[in-house]
Amino acid sequence: MNTEVRILDVVALTEDLPEQGLRRGQVGTVVESLAPDVFEVEFSDNEGQTYASLALCTNQFMVLYYQPANVA
């Protein structure tokens, strides 16, 4: 399933990024499109304080969905 990534999509890491202090499964928000298949993703705590913001390729995260897919 190939899905277009959009600004403000909620995403989860699909790999550990120990140099950034991030683990697989951590949740972030897409805040900017930098290039084809490259996006700036911001990671924040429960108080809204950003603790990491970095460029990620689409193969490093997955978009999370909160609504069922429309099945035709």
N, C-alpha and C. Protein backbone atom coordinates (compact mmCIF):
# COMPACT_ATOMS: atom_id res chain seq x y z
N MET A 1 0.84 -1.18 0.00
CA MET A 1 0.00 0.00 0.00
C MET A 1 0.89 1.24 0.00
N ASN A 2 0.83 2.02 -1.04
CA ASN A 2 1.64 3.23 -1.17
C ASN A 2 0.75 4.44 -0.88
N THR A 3 1.03 5.15 0.19
CA THR A 3 0.19 6.25 0.62
C THR A 3 0.96 7.55 0.59
N GLU A 4 0.31 8.61 0.16
CA GLU A 4 0.92 9.93 0.15
C GLU A 4 1.06 10.44 1.58
N VAL A 5 2.24 10.95 1.89
CA VAL A 5 2.49 11.53 3.21
C VAL A 5 2.11 13.00 3.14
N ARG A 6 1.41 13.47 4.17
CA ARG A 6 0.94 14.86 4.21
C ARG A 6 1.45 15.56 5.46
N ILE A 7 1.54 16.87 5.37
CA ILE A 7 1.90 17.68 6.53
C ILE A 7 0.87 17.42 7.63
N LEU A 8 1.32 17.28 8.86
CA LEU A 8 0.56 17.01 10.07
C LEU A 8 0.13 15.55 10.22
N ASP A 9 0.56 14.67 9.30
CA ASP A 9 0.32 13.24 9.51
C ASP A 9 1.05 12.79 10.75
N VAL A 10 0.43 11.92 11.52
CA VAL A 10 1.06 11.30 12.67
C VAL A 10 1.74 10.04 12.17
N VAL A 11 3.02 9.88 12.53
CA VAL A 11 3.81 8.75 12.04
C VAL A 11 4.52 8.05 13.19
N ALA A 12 4.96 6.83 12.94
CA ALA A 12 5.75 6.08 13.90
C ALA A 12 7.03 5.60 13.23
N LEU A 13 8.14 5.66 13.95
CA LEU A 13 9.40 5.18 13.43
C LEU A 13 9.34 3.68 13.18
N THR A 14 9.98 3.23 12.11
CA THR A 14 10.04 1.81 11.81
C THR A 14 11.43 1.23 12.11
N GLU A 15 12.31 2.06 12.64
CA GLU A 15 13.66 1.61 12.99
C GLU A 15 14.18 2.44 14.15
N ASP A 16 15.14 1.88 14.88
CA ASP A 16 15.81 2.61 15.96
C ASP A 16 16.75 3.64 15.34
N LEU A 17 16.83 4.81 15.97
CA LEU A 17 17.79 5.84 15.59
C LEU A 17 18.55 6.25 16.86
N PRO A 18 19.44 5.38 17.34
CA PRO A 18 20.10 5.62 18.63
C PRO A 18 20.91 6.91 18.69
N GLU A 19 21.47 7.34 17.55
CA GLU A 19 22.24 8.59 17.54
C GLU A 19 21.36 9.80 17.80
N GLN A 20 20.05 9.65 17.60
CA GLN A 20 19.08 10.72 17.87
C GLN A 20 18.32 10.48 19.18
N GLY A 21 18.59 9.34 19.83
CA GLY A 21 17.88 9.00 21.06
C GLY A 21 16.45 8.56 20.80
N LEU A 22 16.19 8.00 19.61
CA LEU A 22 14.84 7.58 19.22
C LEU A 22 14.79 6.08 19.00
N ARG A 23 13.63 5.49 19.34
CA ARG A 23 13.42 4.05 19.19
C ARG A 23 12.31 3.76 18.20
N ARG A 24 12.38 2.58 17.62
CA ARG A 24 11.32 2.09 16.75
C ARG A 24 9.99 2.20 17.50
N GLY A 25 8.97 2.75 16.84
CA GLY A 25 7.66 2.88 17.46
C GLY A 25 7.37 4.26 18.04
N GLN A 26 8.41 5.09 18.20
CA GLN A 26 8.14 6.43 18.72
C GLN A 26 7.31 7.20 17.71
N VAL A 27 6.41 8.02 18.24
CA VAL A 27 5.43 8.73 17.42
C VAL A 27 5.83 10.19 17.25
N GLY A 28 5.71 10.67 16.01
CA GLY A 28 6.02 12.05 15.69
C GLY A 28 5.00 12.61 14.71
N THR A 29 5.22 13.86 14.32
CA THR A 29 4.32 14.55 13.39
C THR A 29 5.13 15.11 12.23
N VAL A 30 4.63 14.89 11.01
CA VAL A 30 5.27 15.45 9.83
C VAL A 30 5.01 16.96 9.82
N VAL A 31 6.09 17.75 9.76
CA VAL A 31 5.93 19.21 9.81
C VAL A 31 6.38 19.90 8.52
N GLU A 32 7.11 19.19 7.65
CA GLU A 32 7.56 19.82 6.41
C GLU A 32 7.98 18.76 5.40
N SER A 33 7.72 19.05 4.14
CA SER A 33 8.21 18.23 3.04
C SER A 33 9.51 18.83 2.56
N LEU A 34 10.59 18.06 2.58
CA LEU A 34 11.91 18.58 2.22
C LEU A 34 12.33 18.22 0.79
N ALA A 35 11.92 17.06 0.34
CA ALA A 35 12.28 16.56 -0.99
C ALA A 35 11.36 15.38 -1.27
N PRO A 36 11.37 14.85 -2.49
CA PRO A 36 10.55 13.66 -2.71
C PRO A 36 10.97 12.55 -1.73
N ASP A 37 10.00 12.05 -1.00
CA ASP A 37 10.21 10.96 -0.03
C ASP A 37 11.08 11.34 1.17
N VAL A 38 11.25 12.63 1.45
CA VAL A 38 11.99 13.09 2.63
C VAL A 38 11.15 14.15 3.34
N PHE A 39 10.95 13.94 4.66
CA PHE A 39 10.09 14.82 5.43
C PHE A 39 10.75 15.16 6.76
N GLU A 40 10.49 16.37 7.24
CA GLU A 40 10.90 16.77 8.59
C GLU A 40 9.83 16.25 9.55
N VAL A 41 10.27 15.47 10.54
CA VAL A 41 9.35 14.90 11.53
C VAL A 41 9.76 15.41 12.90
N GLU A 42 8.77 15.90 13.64
CA GLU A 42 8.99 16.45 14.97
C GLU A 42 8.45 15.47 16.01
N PHE A 43 9.26 15.24 17.04
CA PHE A 43 8.88 14.37 18.16
C PHE A 43 8.74 15.23 19.40
N SER A 44 7.59 15.13 20.08
CA SER A 44 7.30 15.96 21.24
C SER A 44 6.83 15.10 22.41
N ASP A 45 7.03 15.62 23.62
CA ASP A 45 6.56 14.91 24.81
C ASP A 45 5.09 15.24 25.07
N ASN A 46 4.53 14.72 26.15
CA ASN A 46 3.11 14.92 26.47
C ASN A 46 2.77 16.38 26.78
N GLU A 47 3.77 17.20 27.09
CA GLU A 47 3.54 18.62 27.36
C GLU A 47 3.73 19.46 26.10
N GLY A 48 4.03 18.83 24.97
CA GLY A 48 4.20 19.55 23.72
C GLY A 48 5.60 20.09 23.48
N GLN A 49 6.55 19.72 24.34
CA GLN A 49 7.93 20.16 24.17
C GLN A 49 8.64 19.26 23.16
N THR A 50 9.19 19.85 22.13
CA THR A 50 9.91 19.09 21.11
C THR A 50 11.22 18.57 21.69
N TYR A 51 11.47 17.27 21.52
CA TYR A 51 12.73 16.70 21.96
C TYR A 51 13.58 16.21 20.79
N ALA A 52 13.01 16.16 19.60
CA ALA A 52 13.79 15.81 18.40
C ALA A 52 13.03 16.30 17.17
N SER A 53 13.78 16.75 16.19
CA SER A 53 13.20 17.15 14.91
C SER A 53 14.25 16.83 13.86
N LEU A 54 13.90 15.96 12.92
CA LEU A 54 14.88 15.54 11.95
C LEU A 54 14.26 15.13 10.63
N ALA A 55 15.10 15.12 9.60
CA ALA A 55 14.67 14.70 8.27
C ALA A 55 14.67 13.17 8.22
N LEU A 56 13.56 12.62 7.75
CA LEU A 56 13.45 11.16 7.62
C LEU A 56 12.96 10.80 6.23
N CYS A 57 13.46 9.70 5.71
CA CYS A 57 12.96 9.15 4.46
C CYS A 57 11.70 8.34 4.75
N THR A 58 10.85 8.22 3.77
CA THR A 58 9.58 7.52 3.98
C THR A 58 9.76 6.06 4.37
N ASN A 59 10.91 5.46 4.11
CA ASN A 59 11.13 4.08 4.53
C ASN A 59 11.53 3.97 6.00
N GLN A 60 11.65 5.11 6.69
CA GLN A 60 12.01 5.11 8.11
C GLN A 60 10.81 5.30 9.03
N PHE A 61 9.63 5.52 8.46
CA PHE A 61 8.43 5.71 9.27
C PHE A 61 7.21 5.19 8.54
N MET A 62 6.15 5.05 9.31
CA MET A 62 4.85 4.67 8.73
C MET A 62 3.80 5.64 9.22
N VAL A 63 2.86 5.98 8.33
CA VAL A 63 1.75 6.86 8.69
C VAL A 63 0.76 6.07 9.54
N LEU A 64 0.28 6.68 10.61
CA LEU A 64 -0.71 6.04 11.48
C LEU A 64 -2.11 6.54 11.09
N TYR A 65 -3.08 5.66 11.20
CA TYR A 65 -4.45 5.99 10.80
C TYR A 65 -5.38 5.80 11.99
N TYR A 66 -6.37 6.68 12.10
CA TYR A 66 -7.34 6.63 13.19
C TYR A 66 -8.75 6.35 12.69
N GLN A 67 -8.90 6.24 11.38
CA GLN A 67 -10.19 5.97 10.77
C GLN A 67 -10.05 4.73 9.89
N PRO A 68 -11.12 3.96 9.73
CA PRO A 68 -11.03 2.80 8.83
C PRO A 68 -10.87 3.25 7.39
N ALA A 69 -10.21 2.41 6.61
CA ALA A 69 -10.04 2.70 5.18
C ALA A 69 -11.38 2.51 4.47
N ASN A 70 -11.61 3.32 3.46
CA ASN A 70 -12.81 3.15 2.64
C ASN A 70 -12.57 1.99 1.70
N VAL A 71 -13.29 0.93 1.88
CA VAL A 71 -13.12 -0.26 1.06
C VAL A 71 -14.22 -0.26 0.00
N ALA A 72 -13.79 -0.32 -1.25
CA ALA A 72 -14.77 -0.31 -2.34
C ALA A 72 -15.11 -1.70 -2.78
